[in-house]
C-alpha atoms as a PDB file:
ATOM      1  CA  MET A   1     109.889 144.199 129.485  1.00  0.00           C
ATOM      2  CA  THR A   2     108.611 141.404 131.746  1.00  0.00           C
ATOM      3  CA  ILE A   3     108.863 137.855 131.153  1.00  0.00           C
ATOM      4  CA  GLN A   4     105.244 137.786 130.092  1.00  0.00           C
ATOM      5  CA  ALA A   5     105.149 140.357 128.078  1.00  0.00           C
ATOM      6  CA  ARG A   6     107.658 138.389 125.868  1.00  0.00           C
ATOM      7  CA  HIS A   7     105.458 135.412 125.794  1.00  0.00           C
ATOM      8  CA  ASP A   8     102.461 137.062 124.842  1.00  0.00           C
ATOM      9  CA  LYS A   9     104.392 139.092 122.226  1.00  0.00           C
ATOM     10  CA  GLY A  10     105.983 135.917 120.835  1.00  0.00           C
ATOM     11  CA  GLY A  11     102.553 134.173 120.916  1.00  0.00           C
ATOM     12  CA  ALA A  12     100.922 136.734 119.053  1.00  0.00           C
ATOM     13  CA  ASP A  13     103.620 137.089 116.602  1.00  0.00           C
ATOM     14  CA  LEU A  14     103.366 133.189 115.870  1.00  0.00           C
ATOM     15  CA  LYS A  15      99.695 133.630 115.446  1.00  0.00           C
ATOM     16  CA  GLN A  16     100.370 136.548 112.808  1.00  0.00           C
ATOM     17  CA  GLU A  17     102.959 133.795 111.048  1.00  0.00           C
ATOM     18  CA  VAL A  18     100.197 131.066 111.437  1.00  0.00           C
ATOM     19  CA  ARG A  19      97.328 133.248 109.781  1.00  0.00           C
ATOM     20  CA  GLN A  20      99.818 134.187 106.854  1.00  0.00           C
ATOM     21  CA  VAL A  21     101.368 130.505 106.052  1.00  0.00           C
ATOM     22  CA  VAL A  22      97.463 129.811 106.030  1.00  0.00           C
ATOM     23  CA  LYS A  23      96.588 132.679 103.667  1.00  0.00           C
ATOM     24  CA  ALA A  24      99.722 131.430 101.288  1.00  0.00           C
ATOM     25  CA  SER A  25      98.511 127.938 101.370  1.00  0.00           C
ATOM     26  CA  MET A  26      94.942 129.148 100.196  1.00  0.00           C
ATOM     27  CA  CYS A  27      96.398 131.351  97.570  1.00  0.00           C
ATOM     28  CA  ILE A  28      98.432 128.263  96.138  1.00  0.00           C
ATOM     29  CA  ASP A  29      95.623 126.104  96.332  1.00  0.00           C
ATOM     30  CA  ASP A  30      93.657 128.712  94.189  1.00  0.00           C
ATOM     31  CA  LEU A  31      96.663 129.131  91.668  1.00  0.00           C
ATOM     32  CA  GLY A  32      98.165 126.009  91.399  1.00  0.00           C
ATOM     33  CA  PRO A  33      95.707 123.086  92.250  1.00  0.00           C
ATOM     34  CA  ASP A  34      98.110 120.453  91.759  1.00  0.00           C
ATOM     35  CA  VAL A  35     100.522 121.686  94.338  1.00  0.00           C
ATOM     36  CA  LYS A  36      99.280 119.637  97.233  1.00  0.00           C
ATOM     37  CA  GLY A  37      99.088 116.343  94.593  1.00  0.00           C
ATOM     38  CA  LEU A  38     103.055 117.399  93.955  1.00  0.00           C
ATOM     39  CA  LEU A  39     103.767 117.663  97.617  1.00  0.00           C
ATOM     40  CA  LYS A  40     102.867 114.173  98.246  1.00  0.00           C
ATOM     41  CA  TRP A  41     104.469 112.948  95.057  1.00  0.00           C
ATOM     42  CA  GLU A  42     107.809 114.845  96.230  1.00  0.00           C
ATOM     43  CA  ASN A  43     107.497 112.833  99.606  1.00  0.00           C
ATOM     44  CA  TYR A  44     106.936 109.440  97.798  1.00  0.00           C
ATOM     45  CA  CYS A  45     110.259 110.205  95.796  1.00  0.00           C
ATOM     46  CA  LYS A  46     112.260 111.114  98.660  1.00  0.00           C
ATOM     47  CA  ASN A  47     111.061 107.543  99.748  1.00  0.00           C
ATOM     48  CA  LEU A  48     112.001 105.897  96.749  1.00  0.00           C
ATOM     49  CA  GLY A  49     115.576 106.833  97.096  1.00  0.00           C
ATOM     50  CA  LEU A  50     115.669 109.754  94.438  1.00  0.00           C
ATOM     51  CA  ASP A  51     117.600 112.674  94.736  1.00  0.00           C
ATOM     52  CA  LYS A  52     116.201 116.240  94.556  1.00  0.00           C
ATOM     53  CA  GLU A  53     117.383 116.879  90.947  1.00  0.00           C
ATOM     54  CA  GLY A  54     115.892 113.819  89.823  1.00  0.00           C
ATOM     55  CA  THR A  55     112.407 114.723  91.472  1.00  0.00           C
ATOM     56  CA  LYS A  56     112.290 118.079  89.795  1.00  0.00           C
ATOM     57  CA  THR A  57     112.710 116.332  86.763  1.00  0.00           C
ATOM     58  CA  LEU A  58     109.651 113.778  86.878  1.00  0.00           C
ATOM     59  CA  PHE A  59     107.950 117.164  87.959  1.00  0.00           C
ATOM     60  CA  THR A  60     108.482 118.122  84.353  1.00  0.00           C
ATOM     61  CA  MET A  61     106.062 115.336  83.208  1.00  0.00           C
ATOM     62  CA  GLN A  62     109.149 114.036  81.236  1.00  0.00           C
ATOM     63  CA  PRO A  63     110.404 110.433  81.191  1.00  0.00           C
ATOM     64  CA  TYR A  64     113.526 110.220  83.794  1.00  0.00           C
ATOM     65  CA  ARG A  65     116.127 107.606  82.573  1.00  0.00           C
ATOM     66  CA  TYR A  66     117.194 106.228  85.887  1.00  0.00           C
ATOM     67  CA  THR A  67     119.788 103.535  87.226  1.00  0.00           C
ATOM     68  CA  GLY A  68     120.214 102.818  91.050  1.00  0.00           C
ATOM     69  CA  GLU A  69     118.218 101.241  93.859  1.00  0.00           C
ATOM     70  CA  LEU A  70     114.526 102.086  94.500  1.00  0.00           C
ATOM     71  CA  HIS A  71     112.547 101.450  97.561  1.00  0.00           C
ATOM     72  CA  SER A  72     109.090 100.150  98.123  1.00  0.00           C
ATOM     73  CA  ILE A  73     107.652 101.134 101.060  1.00  0.00           C
ATOM     74  CA  ARG A  74     104.524  98.876 100.566  1.00  0.00           C
ATOM     75  CA  TYR A  75     106.898  95.838  99.902  1.00  0.00           C
ATOM     76  CA  ASN A  76     109.707  96.921 102.388  1.00  0.00           C
ATOM     77  CA  HIS A  77     112.094  96.084  99.802  1.00  0.00           C
ATOM     78  CA  THR A  78     114.809  97.962  97.976  1.00  0.00           C
ATOM     79  CA  LEU A  79     115.584  96.708  94.299  1.00  0.00           C
ATOM     80  CA  ARG A  80     118.357  97.592  91.811  1.00  0.00           C
ATOM     81  CA  ALA A  81     116.748  99.630  88.781  1.00  0.00           C
ATOM     82  CA  SER A  82     118.986  99.492  85.788  1.00  0.00           C
ATOM     83  CA  ASP A  83     118.209 101.976  83.045  1.00  0.00           C
ATOM     84  CA  VAL A  84     114.517 101.934  83.746  1.00  0.00           C
ATOM     85  CA  VAL A  85     112.467 104.952  82.761  1.00  0.00           C
ATOM     86  CA  LEU A  86     110.511 106.866  85.463  1.00  0.00           C
ATOM     87  CA  GLN A  87     107.524 109.087  84.424  1.00  0.00           C
ATOM     88  CA  LEU A  88     105.199 111.479  86.604  1.00  0.00           C
ATOM     89  CA  LYS A  89     101.861 111.111  84.785  1.00  0.00           C
ATOM     90  CA  PRO A  90      98.612 113.452  84.971  1.00  0.00           C
ATOM     91  CA  ASP A  91      95.931 111.478  86.297  1.00  0.00           C
ATOM     92  CA  GLU A  92      92.728 112.388  87.632  1.00  0.00           C
ATOM     93  CA  ASP A  93      91.611 109.255  89.182  1.00  0.00           C
ATOM     94  CA  GLY A  94      95.273 108.686  90.596  1.00  0.00           C
ATOM     95  CA  PRO A  95      96.438 109.491  94.586  1.00  0.00           C
ATOM     96  CA  GLY A  96      97.389 113.525  94.276  1.00  0.00           C
ATOM     97  CA  ARG A  97      95.793 113.556  90.504  1.00  0.00           C
ATOM     98  CA  PHE A  98      98.878 111.551  89.288  1.00  0.00           C
ATOM     99  CA  ARG A  99     100.612 108.641  88.615  1.00  0.00           C
ATOM    100  CA  PHE A 100     103.602 107.257  88.892  1.00  0.00           C
ATOM    101  CA  THR A 101     105.290 104.919  86.188  1.00  0.00           C
ATOM    102  CA  ILE A 102     108.320 102.761  85.885  1.00  0.00           C
ATOM    103  CA  ASN A 103     108.805 101.615  82.563  1.00  0.00           C
ATOM    104  CA  GLY A 104     105.468 102.426  81.486  1.00  0.00           C
ATOM    105  CA  GLU A 105     103.441 100.778  83.909  1.00  0.00           C
ATOM    106  CA  ASP A 106     101.930 101.629  87.119  1.00  0.00           C
ATOM    107  CA  ASP A 107     104.888 101.569  89.913  1.00  0.00           C
ATOM    108  CA  SER A 108     103.176  99.136  92.097  1.00  0.00           C
ATOM    109  CA  LYS A 109     102.854  96.639  89.479  1.00  0.00           C
ATOM    110  CA  TRP A 110     106.304  97.033  88.527  1.00  0.00           C
ATOM    111  CA  PHE A 111     107.568  96.726  92.212  1.00  0.00           C
ATOM    112  CA  LYS A 112     105.492  93.595  92.596  1.00  0.00           C
ATOM    113  CA  GLN A 113     106.701  92.257  89.411  1.00  0.00           C
ATOM    114  CA  GLN A 114     110.382  92.782  90.449  1.00  0.00           C
ATOM    115  CA  ARG A 115     109.831  91.236  93.955  1.00  0.00           C
ATOM    116  CA  LYS A 116     108.492  88.013  92.540  1.00  0.00           C
ATOM    117  CA  GLU A 117     111.529  87.669  90.421  1.00  0.00           C
ATOM    118  CA  PHE A 118     113.871  88.078  93.186  1.00  0.00           C
ATOM    119  CA  TYR A 119     112.256  85.318  95.057  1.00  0.00           C
ATOM    120  CA  GLN A 120     112.144  83.151  92.282  1.00  0.00           C
ATOM    121  CA  LYS A 121     115.886  83.600  91.947  1.00  0.00           C
ATOM    122  CA  ILE A 122     116.247  82.491  95.238  1.00  0.00           C
ATOM    123  CA  GLY A 123     114.346  79.509  94.910  1.00  0.00           C
ATOM    124  CA  ILE A 124     111.008  80.840  97.092  1.00  0.00           C
ATOM    125  CA  ASN A 125     107.579  80.836  95.335  1.00  0.00           C
ATOM    126  CA  ILE A 126     105.512  83.410  96.735  1.00  0.00           C
ATOM    127  CA  GLU A 127     102.064  82.649  94.386  1.00  0.00           C
ATOM    128  CA  PRO A 128      99.475  81.696  96.775  1.00  0.00           C
ATOM    129  CA  ARG A 129      98.994  78.206  97.025  1.00  0.00           C
ATOM    130  CA  GLN A 130      95.311  76.330  96.546  1.00  0.00           C
ATOM    131  CA  ASN A 131      94.031  74.318 100.195  1.00  0.00           C
ATOM    132  CA  LYS A 132      97.379  75.198 101.898  1.00  0.00           C
ATOM    133  CA  GLY A 133      97.706  77.404 104.884  1.00  0.00           C
ATOM    134  CA  ASN A 134     100.653  79.092 104.309  1.00  0.00           C
ATOM    135  CA  LYS A 135     101.353  81.083 101.112  1.00  0.00           C
ATOM    136  CA  TYR A 136     105.094  80.502 100.473  1.00  0.00           C
ATOM    137  CA  SER A 137     106.991  77.449  99.584  1.00  0.00           C
ATOM    138  CA  ILE A 138     110.868  76.983  98.865  1.00  0.00           C
ATOM    139  CA  GLY A 139     111.305  75.352  95.498  1.00  0.00           C
ATOM    140  CA  ASN A 140     108.886  73.881  93.250  1.00  0.00           C
END
């Protein structure tokens, strides 16, 4: 078999595999419309710092007690979480049709509050100040 013939056969095999993957993806969409949303949340959980077992537990839609570090990509901040309750909840209006909560509140709200408390502990006020050009101040 010539190099060109092997190349053509490899290309045809690859095209066939792509067709099979697309067909399987369409079946998954039909059989489980939440799968795509869960795949996005799986990536989110990985970015948070959760292991596969923790992520699997969340996908049961049951509360998951967690102690460890959680990383927020939005705030580029890793926070220590002590005995928090994480949960993935169905939500038709949420991203990927789900909502991620920490201690019962939306994760973004929880991270924002934790970040605020962290900066307050080290003496930095991150509240916007009236009529000032800079939004951060040190001390009171």
